[in-house]
Amino acid sequence: MFGCCVAGRLLQTNLQQVDETHALFELPNAGAINHVCVFLLGTVPFPDGYGCTVHFYWPGKGFQLLGMLSNDKPSAIFRLRGSFTPQQTASATHSAFSSASASSGMGMLEDTPAAAEVTAILGLAVEPLPAIAAQLAALPSAAASTSNAVAPLRDPTLLAERVVKHLFNYVSGFTGGSVGADVVVPMGLIVKWYESFVGKVRNGGVAFLERGDE
């Protein structure tokens, strides 16, 4: 049902089922991960009114609620490096993933000197959509994103300028750093940019435009 891809690595489909509503991917060499993409394979949809929360678990450090997937939002890209903030509250979701990591011996890695050697967990918990919305609304990053998004939204011209600049930077990365009248840009490239851009906006608003994130 789910697929996972760490930037720069092969696609992972080695999903481990924990129980009826929880599953996980193991992420080896987690200290070297910048971004991870998780998505529905398109073979089995969520039941009506359900989606899943996406959690990142680092052995010995705790959990991070990253975001969610649903039938209307079948994929998402998350930045892991520099954004991990352990959650302090326990839940059934956390218990399911931590128990699975302990039974597989992954908890033994928490004292490993080199962080790159740690095997982390990307956990998926199927839950009702209202419960997912409540969890996402409680995230500190949600309030921060809303606050950061206010300024550009007040000036539509500035927002449009930053969107176009984002597109220009994306396309120029595939055309040798230049985009001019003689450069042909495949429509497929624009589609990929659009899907990535919309995913970022759905994930955390438009604050990334102010930061200059690609």
N, C-alpha and C. Protein backbone atom coordinates (compact mmCIF):
# COMPACT_ATOMS: atom_id res chain seq x y z
N MET A 1 0.82 -1.21 0.00
CA MET A 1 0.00 0.00 0.00
C MET A 1 0.86 1.26 0.00
N PHE A 2 2.03 1.21 0.71
CA PHE A 2 2.89 2.37 0.84
C PHE A 2 4.25 2.15 0.19
N GLY A 3 4.86 3.23 -0.26
CA GLY A 3 6.23 3.21 -0.74
C GLY A 3 7.00 4.32 -0.06
N CYS A 4 8.32 4.19 -0.05
CA CYS A 4 9.16 5.18 0.62
C CYS A 4 10.43 5.35 -0.19
N CYS A 5 10.88 6.59 -0.31
CA CYS A 5 12.12 6.85 -1.05
C CYS A 5 12.93 7.93 -0.34
N VAL A 6 14.13 7.55 0.07
CA VAL A 6 15.06 8.51 0.65
C VAL A 6 15.85 9.14 -0.49
N ALA A 7 16.00 10.45 -0.47
CA ALA A 7 16.70 11.14 -1.55
C ALA A 7 18.08 10.54 -1.76
N GLY A 8 18.37 10.16 -3.00
CA GLY A 8 19.66 9.59 -3.34
C GLY A 8 19.75 8.09 -3.17
N ARG A 9 18.64 7.44 -2.79
CA ARG A 9 18.64 5.99 -2.60
C ARG A 9 17.56 5.33 -3.44
N LEU A 10 17.60 4.00 -3.50
CA LEU A 10 16.61 3.26 -4.25
C LEU A 10 15.26 3.30 -3.54
N LEU A 11 14.20 3.11 -4.31
CA LEU A 11 12.85 3.05 -3.77
C LEU A 11 12.71 1.89 -2.78
N GLN A 12 12.07 2.15 -1.64
CA GLN A 12 11.82 1.11 -0.65
C GLN A 12 10.35 0.68 -0.69
N THR A 13 10.12 -0.63 -0.81
CA THR A 13 8.77 -1.18 -0.70
C THR A 13 8.74 -2.27 0.37
N ASN A 14 9.80 -2.32 1.19
CA ASN A 14 9.92 -3.35 2.24
C ASN A 14 9.17 -2.93 3.50
N LEU A 15 7.89 -2.67 3.35
CA LEU A 15 7.04 -2.23 4.46
C LEU A 15 6.86 -3.37 5.46
N GLN A 16 7.00 -3.05 6.75
CA GLN A 16 6.79 -4.03 7.81
C GLN A 16 5.47 -3.74 8.51
N GLN A 17 4.56 -4.71 8.50
CA GLN A 17 3.27 -4.55 9.15
C GLN A 17 3.42 -4.80 10.64
N VAL A 18 3.02 -3.85 11.47
CA VAL A 18 3.09 -4.00 12.93
C VAL A 18 1.78 -4.58 13.45
N ASP A 19 0.66 -3.99 13.04
CA ASP A 19 -0.66 -4.53 13.35
C ASP A 19 -1.62 -4.02 12.27
N GLU A 20 -2.92 -4.06 12.51
CA GLU A 20 -3.89 -3.70 11.48
C GLU A 20 -3.82 -2.23 11.07
N THR A 21 -3.35 -1.38 11.97
CA THR A 21 -3.36 0.05 11.67
C THR A 21 -1.97 0.70 11.72
N HIS A 22 -0.93 -0.10 11.94
CA HIS A 22 0.42 0.46 12.02
C HIS A 22 1.39 -0.32 11.14
N ALA A 23 2.26 0.40 10.46
CA ALA A 23 3.29 -0.21 9.63
C ALA A 23 4.51 0.71 9.67
N LEU A 24 5.65 0.18 9.22
CA LEU A 24 6.87 0.99 9.29
C LEU A 24 7.87 0.62 8.21
N PHE A 25 8.73 1.57 7.91
CA PHE A 25 9.91 1.34 7.08
C PHE A 25 11.14 1.56 7.95
N GLU A 26 12.14 0.71 7.82
CA GLU A 26 13.42 0.94 8.47
C GLU A 26 14.26 1.84 7.57
N LEU A 27 14.91 2.84 8.17
CA LEU A 27 15.74 3.78 7.42
C LEU A 27 17.19 3.65 7.90
N PRO A 28 18.00 2.81 7.24
CA PRO A 28 19.40 2.64 7.66
C PRO A 28 20.22 3.89 7.38
N ASN A 29 21.36 4.03 8.09
CA ASN A 29 22.23 5.19 7.93
C ASN A 29 21.43 6.48 8.01
N ALA A 30 20.59 6.57 9.04
CA ALA A 30 19.64 7.67 9.15
C ALA A 30 20.31 9.03 9.30
N GLY A 31 21.51 9.07 9.86
CA GLY A 31 22.18 10.34 10.05
C GLY A 31 22.56 11.02 8.75
N ALA A 32 22.53 10.27 7.64
CA ALA A 32 22.90 10.84 6.35
C ALA A 32 21.69 11.24 5.52
N ILE A 33 20.48 11.12 6.10
CA ILE A 33 19.26 11.41 5.35
C ILE A 33 18.90 12.89 5.44
N ASN A 34 18.64 13.49 4.30
CA ASN A 34 18.17 14.87 4.24
C ASN A 34 16.65 14.93 4.08
N HIS A 35 16.15 14.28 3.04
CA HIS A 35 14.72 14.29 2.74
C HIS A 35 14.22 12.86 2.51
N VAL A 36 12.96 12.64 2.84
CA VAL A 36 12.34 11.35 2.58
C VAL A 36 10.95 11.60 1.99
N CYS A 37 10.59 10.78 1.02
CA CYS A 37 9.27 10.87 0.40
C CYS A 37 8.50 9.60 0.71
N VAL A 38 7.27 9.74 1.14
CA VAL A 38 6.41 8.58 1.39
C VAL A 38 5.14 8.77 0.59
N PHE A 39 4.59 7.66 0.06
CA PHE A 39 3.46 7.80 -0.86
C PHE A 39 2.63 6.53 -0.89
N LEU A 40 1.40 6.67 -1.37
CA LEU A 40 0.54 5.52 -1.63
C LEU A 40 0.92 4.91 -2.97
N LEU A 41 0.93 3.59 -3.03
CA LEU A 41 1.28 2.92 -4.28
C LEU A 41 0.13 2.94 -5.28
N GLY A 42 -1.06 3.25 -4.81
CA GLY A 42 -2.21 3.29 -5.70
C GLY A 42 -2.94 1.98 -5.83
N THR A 43 -2.47 0.96 -5.10
CA THR A 43 -3.10 -0.36 -5.19
C THR A 43 -4.27 -0.52 -4.22
N VAL A 44 -4.14 0.08 -3.03
CA VAL A 44 -5.18 -0.02 -2.00
C VAL A 44 -5.43 1.38 -1.42
N PRO A 45 -6.62 1.93 -1.60
CA PRO A 45 -6.91 3.26 -1.03
C PRO A 45 -7.26 3.15 0.45
N PHE A 46 -7.26 4.30 1.13
CA PHE A 46 -7.73 4.34 2.51
C PHE A 46 -9.25 4.16 2.53
N PRO A 47 -9.79 3.58 3.59
CA PRO A 47 -11.25 3.57 3.73
C PRO A 47 -11.77 5.00 3.82
N ASP A 48 -13.01 5.20 3.46
CA ASP A 48 -13.59 6.54 3.52
C ASP A 48 -13.45 7.12 4.92
N GLY A 49 -12.99 8.38 5.00
CA GLY A 49 -12.86 9.04 6.29
C GLY A 49 -11.58 8.74 7.02
N TYR A 50 -10.66 8.03 6.37
CA TYR A 50 -9.40 7.67 7.02
C TYR A 50 -8.20 8.13 6.20
N GLY A 51 -7.09 8.29 6.88
CA GLY A 51 -5.80 8.59 6.27
C GLY A 51 -4.74 8.01 7.18
N CYS A 52 -3.53 8.53 7.12
CA CYS A 52 -2.50 8.04 8.04
C CYS A 52 -1.58 9.19 8.45
N THR A 53 -1.13 9.13 9.70
CA THR A 53 -0.10 10.04 10.16
C THR A 53 1.26 9.41 9.88
N VAL A 54 2.24 10.26 9.61
CA VAL A 54 3.60 9.81 9.31
C VAL A 54 4.51 10.25 10.45
N HIS A 55 5.22 9.29 11.04
CA HIS A 55 6.07 9.57 12.21
C HIS A 55 7.51 9.17 11.93
N PHE A 56 8.44 9.95 12.46
CA PHE A 56 9.86 9.61 12.38
C PHE A 56 10.34 9.27 13.78
N TYR A 57 10.95 8.09 13.93
CA TYR A 57 11.41 7.63 15.25
C TYR A 57 12.91 7.38 15.21
N TRP A 58 13.62 8.09 16.08
CA TRP A 58 15.06 7.91 16.23
C TRP A 58 15.31 7.17 17.54
N PRO A 59 15.91 5.97 17.51
CA PRO A 59 16.12 5.19 18.72
C PRO A 59 16.82 5.99 19.82
N GLY A 60 16.18 6.00 20.98
CA GLY A 60 16.75 6.69 22.12
C GLY A 60 16.46 8.17 22.20
N LYS A 61 15.84 8.73 21.15
CA LYS A 61 15.57 10.17 21.13
C LYS A 61 14.09 10.50 21.05
N GLY A 62 13.28 9.59 20.55
CA GLY A 62 11.85 9.84 20.54
C GLY A 62 11.25 9.96 19.15
N PHE A 63 10.08 10.57 19.11
CA PHE A 63 9.27 10.62 17.90
C PHE A 63 9.10 12.03 17.37
N GLN A 64 8.87 12.11 16.07
CA GLN A 64 8.54 13.37 15.41
C GLN A 64 7.35 13.10 14.50
N LEU A 65 6.24 13.80 14.72
CA LEU A 65 5.12 13.72 13.79
C LEU A 65 5.45 14.59 12.59
N LEU A 66 5.58 13.97 11.43
CA LEU A 66 6.00 14.70 10.24
C LEU A 66 4.82 15.28 9.46
N GLY A 67 3.75 14.51 9.32
CA GLY A 67 2.62 14.95 8.51
C GLY A 67 1.64 13.84 8.29
N MET A 68 0.99 13.84 7.13
CA MET A 68 -0.05 12.86 6.89
C MET A 68 -0.18 12.53 5.41
N LEU A 69 -0.89 11.42 5.14
CA LEU A 69 -1.28 11.03 3.79
C LEU A 69 -2.77 10.73 3.80
N SER A 70 -3.40 10.90 2.66
CA SER A 70 -4.81 10.55 2.51
C SER A 70 -5.06 10.23 1.05
N ASN A 71 -6.28 9.85 0.72
CA ASN A 71 -6.60 9.60 -0.68
C ASN A 71 -6.48 10.87 -1.52
N ASP A 72 -6.72 12.02 -0.88
CA ASP A 72 -6.61 13.30 -1.58
C ASP A 72 -5.18 13.83 -1.59
N LYS A 73 -4.35 13.30 -0.70
CA LYS A 73 -2.94 13.70 -0.62
C LYS A 73 -2.10 12.42 -0.55
N PRO A 74 -1.89 11.77 -1.69
CA PRO A 74 -1.26 10.44 -1.69
C PRO A 74 0.26 10.43 -1.57
N SER A 75 0.90 11.59 -1.48
CA SER A 75 2.35 11.61 -1.34
C SER A 75 2.78 12.85 -0.59
N ALA A 76 3.96 12.78 0.03
CA ALA A 76 4.49 13.93 0.75
C ALA A 76 6.00 13.78 0.88
N ILE A 77 6.70 14.91 0.88
CA ILE A 77 8.15 14.95 1.06
C ILE A 77 8.45 15.65 2.38
N PHE A 78 9.30 15.03 3.19
CA PHE A 78 9.62 15.59 4.50
C PHE A 78 11.13 15.80 4.63
N ARG A 79 11.50 16.92 5.22
CA ARG A 79 12.90 17.18 5.52
C ARG A 79 13.20 16.69 6.92
N LEU A 80 14.22 15.84 7.06
CA LEU A 80 14.58 15.27 8.35
C LEU A 80 15.77 15.98 8.97
N ARG A 81 16.79 16.27 8.20
CA ARG A 81 18.00 16.88 8.75
C ARG A 81 17.72 18.29 9.26
N GLY A 82 18.07 18.51 10.52
CA GLY A 82 17.92 19.83 11.11
C GLY A 82 16.53 20.18 11.55
N SER A 83 15.58 19.22 11.43
CA SER A 83 14.20 19.54 11.79
C SER A 83 13.63 18.58 12.84
N PHE A 84 14.47 17.69 13.38
CA PHE A 84 13.96 16.70 14.33
C PHE A 84 13.79 17.31 15.71
N THR A 85 12.56 17.27 16.23
CA THR A 85 12.26 17.73 17.59
C THR A 85 11.44 16.64 18.27
N PRO A 86 12.04 15.85 19.18
CA PRO A 86 11.34 14.73 19.80
C PRO A 86 10.04 15.15 20.47
N GLN A 87 9.02 14.32 20.32
CA GLN A 87 7.76 14.56 21.00
C GLN A 87 7.83 13.99 22.40
N GLN A 88 7.29 14.72 23.36
CA GLN A 88 7.39 14.31 24.76
C GLN A 88 6.21 13.46 25.21
N THR A 89 5.10 13.50 24.49
CA THR A 89 3.91 12.78 24.92
C THR A 89 3.87 11.38 24.32
N ALA A 90 3.48 10.41 25.14
CA ALA A 90 3.38 9.03 24.67
C ALA A 90 2.00 8.80 24.07
N SER A 91 1.88 7.80 23.19
CA SER A 91 0.60 7.47 22.60
C SER A 91 0.65 6.03 22.14
N ALA A 92 -0.53 5.50 21.78
CA ALA A 92 -0.57 4.13 21.28
C ALA A 92 0.23 4.00 20.01
N THR A 93 0.21 5.07 19.20
CA THR A 93 0.99 5.06 17.95
C THR A 93 2.47 4.91 18.26
N HIS A 94 2.97 5.69 19.19
CA HIS A 94 4.37 5.63 19.56
C HIS A 94 4.74 4.27 20.13
N SER A 95 3.85 3.72 20.96
CA SER A 95 4.11 2.43 21.58
C SER A 95 4.26 1.34 20.53
N ALA A 96 3.43 1.39 19.52
CA ALA A 96 3.48 0.37 18.47
C ALA A 96 4.82 0.39 17.75
N PHE A 97 5.32 1.58 17.42
CA PHE A 97 6.58 1.68 16.69
C PHE A 97 7.77 1.36 17.57
N SER A 98 7.76 1.84 18.82
CA SER A 98 8.90 1.58 19.71
C SER A 98 8.99 0.11 20.06
N SER A 99 7.84 -0.56 20.21
CA SER A 99 7.85 -1.99 20.50
C SER A 99 8.42 -2.76 19.32
N ALA A 100 8.07 -2.33 18.11
CA ALA A 100 8.58 -3.00 16.92
C ALA A 100 10.09 -2.83 16.80
N SER A 101 10.59 -1.64 17.13
CA SER A 101 12.02 -1.39 17.02
C SER A 101 12.78 -2.20 18.06
N ALA A 102 12.19 -2.36 19.25
CA ALA A 102 12.85 -3.12 20.30
C ALA A 102 12.93 -4.59 19.94
N SER A 103 11.84 -5.12 19.35
CA SER A 103 11.82 -6.54 19.01
C SER A 103 12.77 -6.87 17.88
N SER A 104 13.09 -5.88 17.03
CA SER A 104 14.01 -6.13 15.92
C SER A 104 15.46 -5.84 16.31
N GLY A 105 15.67 -5.36 17.55
CA GLY A 105 17.03 -5.09 18.00
C GLY A 105 17.56 -3.75 17.59
N MET A 106 16.71 -2.90 16.99
CA MET A 106 17.17 -1.60 16.52
C MET A 106 17.51 -0.66 17.66
N GLY A 107 16.88 -0.86 18.84
CA GLY A 107 17.17 0.00 19.97
C GLY A 107 18.61 -0.09 20.41
N MET A 108 19.31 -1.16 20.06
CA MET A 108 20.71 -1.33 20.42
C MET A 108 21.60 -0.28 19.76
N LEU A 109 21.08 0.37 18.71
CA LEU A 109 21.90 1.30 17.96
C LEU A 109 21.95 2.69 18.56
N GLU A 110 21.16 2.95 19.62
CA GLU A 110 21.06 4.31 20.10
C GLU A 110 22.36 4.82 20.71
N ASP A 111 23.29 3.92 21.09
CA ASP A 111 24.56 4.36 21.67
C ASP A 111 25.69 4.34 20.65
N THR A 112 25.35 4.08 19.38
CA THR A 112 26.36 4.04 18.34
C THR A 112 26.99 5.42 18.18
N PRO A 113 28.35 5.53 18.20
CA PRO A 113 29.01 6.84 18.12
C PRO A 113 28.66 7.60 16.85
N ALA A 114 28.64 6.91 15.72
CA ALA A 114 28.39 7.58 14.45
C ALA A 114 26.90 7.61 14.18
N ALA A 115 26.31 8.82 14.16
CA ALA A 115 24.87 8.94 13.95
C ALA A 115 24.45 8.39 12.60
N ALA A 116 25.35 8.44 11.60
CA ALA A 116 25.00 7.95 10.27
C ALA A 116 24.71 6.47 10.27
N GLU A 117 25.19 5.73 11.29
CA GLU A 117 24.99 4.29 11.33
C GLU A 117 23.67 3.90 11.99
N VAL A 118 22.95 4.84 12.54
CA VAL A 118 21.70 4.55 13.23
C VAL A 118 20.62 4.16 12.22
N THR A 119 19.83 3.13 12.56
CA THR A 119 18.67 2.76 11.76
C THR A 119 17.44 3.36 12.42
N ALA A 120 16.81 4.31 11.77
CA ALA A 120 15.62 4.97 12.30
C ALA A 120 14.37 4.32 11.71
N ILE A 121 13.22 4.81 12.12
CA ILE A 121 11.95 4.25 11.67
C ILE A 121 11.08 5.34 11.07
N LEU A 122 10.45 5.05 9.95
CA LEU A 122 9.39 5.89 9.41
C LEU A 122 8.10 5.13 9.66
N GLY A 123 7.31 5.62 10.61
CA GLY A 123 6.10 4.91 11.01
C GLY A 123 4.85 5.48 10.39
N LEU A 124 3.90 4.62 10.07
CA LEU A 124 2.64 5.01 9.45
C LEU A 124 1.49 4.47 10.30
N ALA A 125 0.60 5.35 10.73
CA ALA A 125 -0.52 4.96 11.58
C ALA A 125 -1.83 5.36 10.92
N VAL A 126 -2.66 4.40 10.57
CA VAL A 126 -3.95 4.67 9.94
C VAL A 126 -4.93 5.15 11.01
N GLU A 127 -5.52 6.34 10.78
CA GLU A 127 -6.39 6.96 11.77
C GLU A 127 -7.51 7.71 11.07
N PRO A 128 -8.60 8.03 11.80
CA PRO A 128 -9.67 8.86 11.22
C PRO A 128 -9.13 10.24 10.88
N LEU A 129 -9.62 10.82 9.81
CA LEU A 129 -9.14 12.13 9.37
C LEU A 129 -9.32 13.23 10.41
N PRO A 130 -10.42 13.27 11.17
CA PRO A 130 -10.52 14.31 12.22
C PRO A 130 -9.43 14.20 13.27
N ALA A 131 -9.07 12.97 13.64
CA ALA A 131 -8.00 12.77 14.63
C ALA A 131 -6.66 13.23 14.07
N ILE A 132 -6.44 12.98 12.78
CA ILE A 132 -5.20 13.42 12.13
C ILE A 132 -5.12 14.94 12.10
N ALA A 133 -6.24 15.58 11.75
CA ALA A 133 -6.26 17.04 11.69
C ALA A 133 -5.95 17.66 13.04
N ALA A 134 -6.47 17.04 14.11
CA ALA A 134 -6.23 17.56 15.46
C ALA A 134 -4.76 17.45 15.83
N GLN A 135 -4.11 16.35 15.45
CA GLN A 135 -2.69 16.17 15.75
C GLN A 135 -1.83 17.18 15.00
N LEU A 136 -2.15 17.40 13.73
CA LEU A 136 -1.37 18.34 12.94
C LEU A 136 -1.55 19.77 13.43
N ALA A 137 -2.76 20.09 13.88
CA ALA A 137 -3.02 21.44 14.37
C ALA A 137 -2.25 21.72 15.66
N ALA A 138 -1.93 20.65 16.41
CA ALA A 138 -1.22 20.82 17.67
C ALA A 138 0.29 20.94 17.51
N LEU A 139 0.78 20.72 16.29
CA LEU A 139 2.22 20.81 16.06
C LEU A 139 2.71 22.25 16.20
N PRO A 140 3.82 22.47 16.91
CA PRO A 140 4.38 23.83 17.00
C PRO A 140 4.70 24.41 15.63
N SER A 141 5.13 23.56 14.71
CA SER A 141 5.49 24.03 13.37
C SER A 141 4.29 24.57 12.61
N ALA A 142 3.09 24.07 12.96
CA ALA A 142 1.90 24.54 12.27
C ALA A 142 1.65 26.01 12.57
N ALA A 143 1.80 26.38 13.85
CA ALA A 143 1.62 27.78 14.22
C ALA A 143 2.71 28.65 13.62
N ALA A 144 3.94 28.12 13.60
CA ALA A 144 5.06 28.88 13.04
C ALA A 144 4.87 29.11 11.55
N SER A 145 4.39 28.07 10.85
CA SER A 145 4.18 28.19 9.41
C SER A 145 3.11 29.21 9.11
N THR A 146 2.04 29.18 9.93
CA THR A 146 0.96 30.14 9.72
C THR A 146 1.46 31.56 9.92
N SER A 147 2.28 31.76 10.96
CA SER A 147 2.82 33.08 11.24
C SER A 147 3.73 33.55 10.13
N ASN A 148 4.60 32.64 9.66
CA ASN A 148 5.55 33.02 8.62
C ASN A 148 4.87 33.28 7.29
N ALA A 149 3.69 32.70 7.10
CA ALA A 149 3.01 32.84 5.81
C ALA A 149 2.23 34.14 5.71
N VAL A 150 2.01 34.82 6.82
CA VAL A 150 1.16 36.00 6.82
C VAL A 150 1.73 37.11 5.94
N ALA A 151 3.02 37.41 6.09
CA ALA A 151 3.61 38.55 5.40
C ALA A 151 3.47 38.46 3.88
N PRO A 152 3.93 37.35 3.22
CA PRO A 152 3.80 37.31 1.76
C PRO A 152 2.36 37.28 1.29
N LEU A 153 1.45 36.68 2.10
CA LEU A 153 0.07 36.61 1.67
C LEU A 153 -0.59 37.98 1.65
N ARG A 154 -0.08 38.91 2.43
CA ARG A 154 -0.62 40.26 2.43
C ARG A 154 -0.26 41.00 1.16
N ASP A 155 0.76 40.54 0.47
CA ASP A 155 1.20 41.19 -0.76
C ASP A 155 1.19 40.16 -1.88
N PRO A 156 0.10 40.04 -2.63
CA PRO A 156 0.00 39.04 -3.70
C PRO A 156 1.11 39.16 -4.73
N THR A 157 1.57 40.38 -4.99
CA THR A 157 2.64 40.58 -5.98
C THR A 157 3.93 39.92 -5.51
N LEU A 158 4.25 40.11 -4.22
CA LEU A 158 5.45 39.52 -3.66
C LEU A 158 5.35 38.00 -3.65
N LEU A 159 4.17 37.48 -3.31
CA LEU A 159 3.98 36.03 -3.30
C LEU A 159 4.16 35.45 -4.70
N ALA A 160 3.55 36.11 -5.71
CA ALA A 160 3.67 35.64 -7.09
C ALA A 160 5.12 35.66 -7.54
N GLU A 161 5.84 36.71 -7.16
CA GLU A 161 7.26 36.83 -7.53
C GLU A 161 8.07 35.67 -6.96
N ARG A 162 7.78 35.29 -5.70
CA ARG A 162 8.54 34.22 -5.08
C ARG A 162 8.19 32.86 -5.67
N VAL A 163 6.92 32.68 -6.08
CA VAL A 163 6.53 31.44 -6.73
C VAL A 163 7.26 31.29 -8.06
N VAL A 164 7.29 32.36 -8.84
CA VAL A 164 7.97 32.32 -10.14
C VAL A 164 9.47 32.09 -9.95
N LYS A 165 10.05 32.73 -8.95
CA LYS A 165 11.47 32.55 -8.68
C LYS A 165 11.77 31.11 -8.31
N HIS A 166 10.87 30.51 -7.54
CA HIS A 166 11.04 29.11 -7.15
C HIS A 166 11.02 28.21 -8.38
N LEU A 167 10.07 28.47 -9.29
CA LEU A 167 9.98 27.71 -10.53
C LEU A 167 11.24 27.90 -11.37
N PHE A 168 11.71 29.14 -11.49
CA PHE A 168 12.91 29.44 -12.27
C PHE A 168 14.11 28.69 -11.73
N ASN A 169 14.29 28.72 -10.39
CA ASN A 169 15.43 28.03 -9.78
C ASN A 169 15.34 26.53 -10.00
N TYR A 170 14.13 25.99 -9.92
CA TYR A 170 13.94 24.55 -10.13
C TYR A 170 14.30 24.15 -11.55
N VAL A 171 13.75 24.86 -12.52
CA VAL A 171 13.99 24.53 -13.92
C VAL A 171 15.46 24.73 -14.30
N SER A 172 16.07 25.80 -13.81
CA SER A 172 17.46 26.09 -14.17
C SER A 172 18.41 24.99 -13.66
N GLY A 173 17.98 24.27 -12.63
CA GLY A 173 18.81 23.17 -12.12
C GLY A 173 18.91 22.02 -13.11
N PHE A 174 17.99 21.97 -14.08
CA PHE A 174 17.99 20.90 -15.09
C PHE A 174 18.46 21.40 -16.46
N THR A 175 18.77 22.69 -16.55
CA THR A 175 19.16 23.25 -17.85
C THR A 175 20.54 23.90 -17.80
N GLY A 176 21.37 23.44 -16.89
CA GLY A 176 22.72 23.96 -16.81
C GLY A 176 22.81 25.33 -16.18
N GLY A 177 21.78 25.73 -15.43
CA GLY A 177 21.84 27.00 -14.72
C GLY A 177 21.33 28.20 -15.49
N SER A 178 20.79 27.97 -16.69
CA SER A 178 20.29 29.11 -17.47
C SER A 178 18.95 28.77 -18.09
N VAL A 179 18.06 29.77 -18.11
CA VAL A 179 16.76 29.62 -18.77
C VAL A 179 16.55 30.85 -19.65
N GLY A 180 16.59 30.63 -20.95
CA GLY A 180 16.42 31.74 -21.88
C GLY A 180 15.45 31.41 -22.98
N ALA A 181 15.37 32.30 -23.96
CA ALA A 181 14.40 32.12 -25.05
C ALA A 181 14.69 30.87 -25.87
N ASP A 182 15.94 30.45 -25.91
CA ASP A 182 16.31 29.29 -26.75
C ASP A 182 16.31 27.98 -25.99
N VAL A 183 15.98 28.02 -24.71
CA VAL A 183 15.99 26.80 -23.89
C VAL A 183 14.60 26.18 -23.89
N VAL A 184 14.53 24.90 -24.30
CA VAL A 184 13.26 24.17 -24.32
C VAL A 184 13.09 23.44 -23.00
N VAL A 185 11.98 23.67 -22.33
CA VAL A 185 11.70 23.04 -21.03
C VAL A 185 10.57 22.03 -21.22
N PRO A 186 10.82 20.74 -21.00
CA PRO A 186 9.77 19.72 -21.15
C PRO A 186 8.61 19.98 -20.18
N MET A 187 7.39 19.74 -20.63
CA MET A 187 6.22 19.94 -19.77
C MET A 187 6.26 19.01 -18.57
N GLY A 188 6.88 17.84 -18.74
CA GLY A 188 6.98 16.89 -17.63
C GLY A 188 7.76 17.48 -16.46
N LEU A 189 8.72 18.35 -16.77
CA LEU A 189 9.51 18.99 -15.73
C LEU A 189 8.66 19.98 -14.94
N ILE A 190 7.81 20.71 -15.66
CA ILE A 190 6.90 21.65 -15.01
C ILE A 190 5.91 20.91 -14.13
N VAL A 191 5.43 19.75 -14.60
CA VAL A 191 4.49 18.95 -13.81
C VAL A 191 5.14 18.48 -12.52
N LYS A 192 6.40 18.03 -12.60
CA LYS A 192 7.11 17.58 -11.40
C LYS A 192 7.29 18.73 -10.41
N TRP A 193 7.63 19.91 -10.94
CA TRP A 193 7.77 21.08 -10.06
C TRP A 193 6.43 21.38 -9.38
N TYR A 194 5.36 21.36 -10.15
CA TYR A 194 4.04 21.67 -9.60
C TYR A 194 3.66 20.71 -8.49
N GLU A 195 3.87 19.41 -8.72
CA GLU A 195 3.51 18.41 -7.70
C GLU A 195 4.33 18.61 -6.44
N SER A 196 5.63 18.88 -6.61
CA SER A 196 6.50 19.11 -5.46
C SER A 196 6.10 20.39 -4.72
N PHE A 197 5.81 21.44 -5.49
CA PHE A 197 5.46 22.74 -4.90
C PHE A 197 4.16 22.63 -4.09
N VAL A 198 3.15 22.01 -4.68
CA VAL A 198 1.87 21.87 -3.99
C VAL A 198 2.03 21.03 -2.73
N GLY A 199 2.87 19.98 -2.81
CA GLY A 199 3.12 19.15 -1.63
C GLY A 199 3.72 19.94 -0.49
N LYS A 200 4.66 20.83 -0.81
CA LYS A 200 5.29 21.66 0.22
C LYS A 200 4.28 22.62 0.84
N VAL A 201 3.43 23.21 0.00
CA VAL A 201 2.44 24.15 0.52
C VAL A 201 1.45 23.44 1.44
N ARG A 202 1.02 22.24 1.04
CA ARG A 202 0.09 21.48 1.87
C ARG A 202 0.74 21.06 3.18
N ASN A 203 2.02 20.78 3.11
CA ASN A 203 2.75 20.31 4.30
C ASN A 203 2.96 21.40 5.34
N GLY A 204 3.36 22.59 4.89
CA GLY A 204 3.71 23.61 5.87
C GLY A 204 3.48 25.04 5.43
N GLY A 205 2.57 25.25 4.49
CA GLY A 205 2.31 26.61 4.06
C GLY A 205 3.39 27.13 3.11
N VAL A 206 3.48 28.44 2.98
CA VAL A 206 4.40 29.04 2.01
C VAL A 206 5.65 29.62 2.66
N ALA A 207 5.89 29.23 3.93
CA ALA A 207 7.05 29.79 4.64
C ALA A 207 8.36 29.44 3.94
N PHE A 208 8.40 28.29 3.24
CA PHE A 208 9.64 27.88 2.57
C PHE A 208 10.06 28.88 1.50
N LEU A 209 9.10 29.64 0.95
CA LEU A 209 9.45 30.65 -0.05
C LEU A 209 10.26 31.78 0.56
N GLU A 210 9.97 32.12 1.79
CA GLU A 210 10.74 33.17 2.48
C GLU A 210 12.14 32.68 2.82
N ARG A 211 12.24 31.37 3.17
CA ARG A 211 13.56 30.82 3.53
C ARG A 211 14.42 30.57 2.30
N GLY A 212 13.78 30.50 1.13
CA GLY A 212 14.54 30.23 -0.08
C GLY A 212 14.82 28.75 -0.28
N ASP A 213 14.01 27.86 0.39
CA ASP A 213 14.21 26.41 0.23
C ASP A 213 13.88 26.00 -1.18
N GLU A 214 14.61 25.01 -1.67
CA GLU A 214 14.33 24.49 -3.02
C GLU A 214 13.24 23.43 -2.94
